[in-house]
Amino acid sequence: MDAAVSLPTLDDEGYLIEPGDWNEAVAERLAHAEDVKLTDDHWDVIRFMRDFYEEHQIAPDARYVIKHLSSRMGADARNALYTMFAYGYVKQACKIAGMKRPRAWSTG
């Protein structure tokens, strides 16, 4: 992680104000702040989320990420997602992937 990488503007909860300001160095900084060590599986989720966002201009619901993961993890995909992001999909995965905080969702 490069300490010289400055973070774009965050809201009061630590989410990016503008998802377009995201890049992988920003993700590393946000993950570090959440005490998440990014693995290949984390990056798979994050990149899927970014691709979904680019196509739909909205953060994907966790069920889409689980469906994506199930193609290689099978029935364990849901547990894997919540193991990777132990404090919740919205609290950690959305934040690290540079999404705005989904206001209508729970923090789970």
Protein backbone atom coordinates (compact mmCIF):
# COMPACT_ATOMS: atom_id res chain seq x y z
CA MET A 1 0.00 0.00 0.00
CA ASP A 2 1.34 3.40 -0.97
CA ALA A 3 0.92 5.84 1.91
CA ALA A 4 1.39 8.70 -0.57
CA VAL A 5 -1.93 7.90 -2.27
CA SER A 6 -4.41 10.45 -1.02
CA LEU A 7 -8.00 9.46 -0.54
CA PRO A 8 -10.70 11.23 -2.51
CA THR A 9 -13.44 12.99 -0.55
CA LEU A 10 -15.35 10.67 1.79
CA ASP A 11 -18.71 11.15 3.49
CA ASP A 12 -19.09 11.11 7.28
CA GLU A 13 -19.25 7.29 7.25
CA GLY A 14 -16.12 6.81 5.13
CA TYR A 15 -17.75 6.10 1.75
CA LEU A 16 -16.58 7.84 -1.42
CA ILE A 17 -18.66 10.87 -2.35
CA GLU A 18 -17.94 10.24 -6.03
CA PRO A 19 -17.50 6.58 -7.11
CA GLY A 20 -15.65 7.77 -10.22
CA ASP A 21 -12.75 8.81 -7.96
CA TRP A 22 -12.09 5.13 -7.12
CA ASN A 23 -9.03 3.19 -8.21
CA GLU A 24 -7.25 0.12 -6.85
CA ALA A 25 -4.86 2.19 -4.73
CA VAL A 26 -7.87 3.87 -3.10
CA ALA A 27 -9.35 0.41 -2.50
CA GLU A 28 -6.15 -0.64 -0.73
CA ARG A 29 -6.34 2.42 1.54
CA LEU A 30 -10.03 1.88 2.30
CA ALA A 31 -9.43 -1.82 3.00
CA HIS A 32 -6.58 -0.96 5.34
CA ALA A 33 -8.90 1.43 7.23
CA GLU A 34 -11.42 -1.43 7.55
CA ASP A 35 -8.68 -3.86 8.65
CA VAL A 36 -9.31 -6.05 5.58
CA LYS A 37 -6.35 -7.71 3.87
CA LEU A 38 -7.34 -7.97 0.21
CA THR A 39 -6.95 -11.42 -1.36
CA ASP A 40 -7.66 -12.58 -4.90
CA ASP A 41 -11.21 -13.43 -3.77
CA HIS A 42 -11.71 -9.91 -2.42
CA TRP A 43 -10.48 -8.45 -5.69
CA ASP A 44 -12.84 -10.72 -7.64
CA VAL A 45 -15.77 -9.30 -5.65
CA ILE A 46 -14.54 -5.71 -5.90
CA ARG A 47 -13.96 -5.90 -9.65
CA PHE A 48 -17.36 -7.51 -10.19
CA MET A 49 -18.94 -4.70 -8.17
CA ARG A 50 -17.09 -2.04 -10.16
CA ASP A 51 -18.11 -3.63 -13.49
CA PHE A 52 -21.73 -3.83 -12.31
CA TYR A 53 -21.59 -0.18 -11.23
CA GLU A 54 -20.13 0.91 -14.58
CA GLU A 55 -22.95 -0.87 -16.42
CA HIS A 56 -25.90 0.06 -14.15
CA GLN A 57 -24.71 3.19 -12.27
CA ILE A 58 -25.76 1.60 -8.98
CA ALA A 59 -24.07 -0.65 -6.44
CA PRO A 60 -25.02 -4.29 -6.90
CA ASP A 61 -27.15 -5.89 -4.23
CA ALA A 62 -25.31 -8.64 -2.34
CA ARG A 63 -27.42 -11.30 -4.08
CA TYR A 64 -25.78 -10.40 -7.43
CA VAL A 65 -22.33 -10.72 -5.91
CA ILE A 66 -23.28 -14.08 -4.36
CA LYS A 67 -24.58 -15.27 -7.73
CA HIS A 68 -21.28 -14.18 -9.31
CA LEU A 69 -19.26 -16.01 -6.64
CA SER A 70 -21.40 -19.14 -6.85
CA SER A 71 -20.09 -19.83 -10.36
CA ARG A 72 -16.79 -20.87 -8.79
CA MET A 73 -17.59 -21.34 -5.10
CA GLY A 74 -20.91 -23.12 -5.39
CA ALA A 75 -23.19 -23.24 -2.38
CA ASP A 76 -20.50 -21.71 -0.16
CA ALA A 77 -20.61 -18.35 -2.00
CA ARG A 78 -22.85 -16.59 0.55
CA ASN A 79 -20.72 -17.68 3.50
CA ALA A 80 -17.56 -16.75 1.60
CA LEU A 81 -18.82 -13.22 0.95
CA TYR A 82 -19.65 -12.66 4.60
CA THR A 83 -16.35 -14.20 5.69
CA MET A 84 -14.38 -11.90 3.39
CA PHE A 85 -16.29 -8.86 4.63
CA ALA A 86 -16.97 -9.82 8.23
CA TYR A 87 -18.58 -6.52 9.21
CA GLY A 88 -21.08 -6.68 6.38
CA TYR A 89 -21.44 -6.27 2.66
CA VAL A 90 -22.48 -2.62 2.83
CA LYS A 91 -20.11 -1.65 5.64
CA GLN A 92 -17.02 -3.10 4.00
CA ALA A 93 -17.46 -4.42 0.45
CA CYS A 94 -19.38 -1.39 -0.84
CA LYS A 95 -17.01 0.98 0.91
CA ILE A 96 -13.82 -0.67 -0.38
CA ALA A 97 -15.26 -0.96 -3.91
CA GLY A 98 -15.86 2.79 -3.90
CA MET A 99 -19.64 2.77 -3.87
CA LYS A 100 -21.71 5.48 -2.26
CA ARG A 101 -23.39 4.11 0.84
CA PRO A 102 -26.61 2.45 -0.33
CA ARG A 103 -29.11 4.43 1.78
CA ALA A 104 -32.04 2.04 1.47
CA TRP A 105 -30.06 -1.02 2.56
CA SER A 106 -29.31 -2.33 5.98
CA THR A 107 -25.68 -2.40 7.03
CA GLY A 108 -25.61 -6.21 6.70
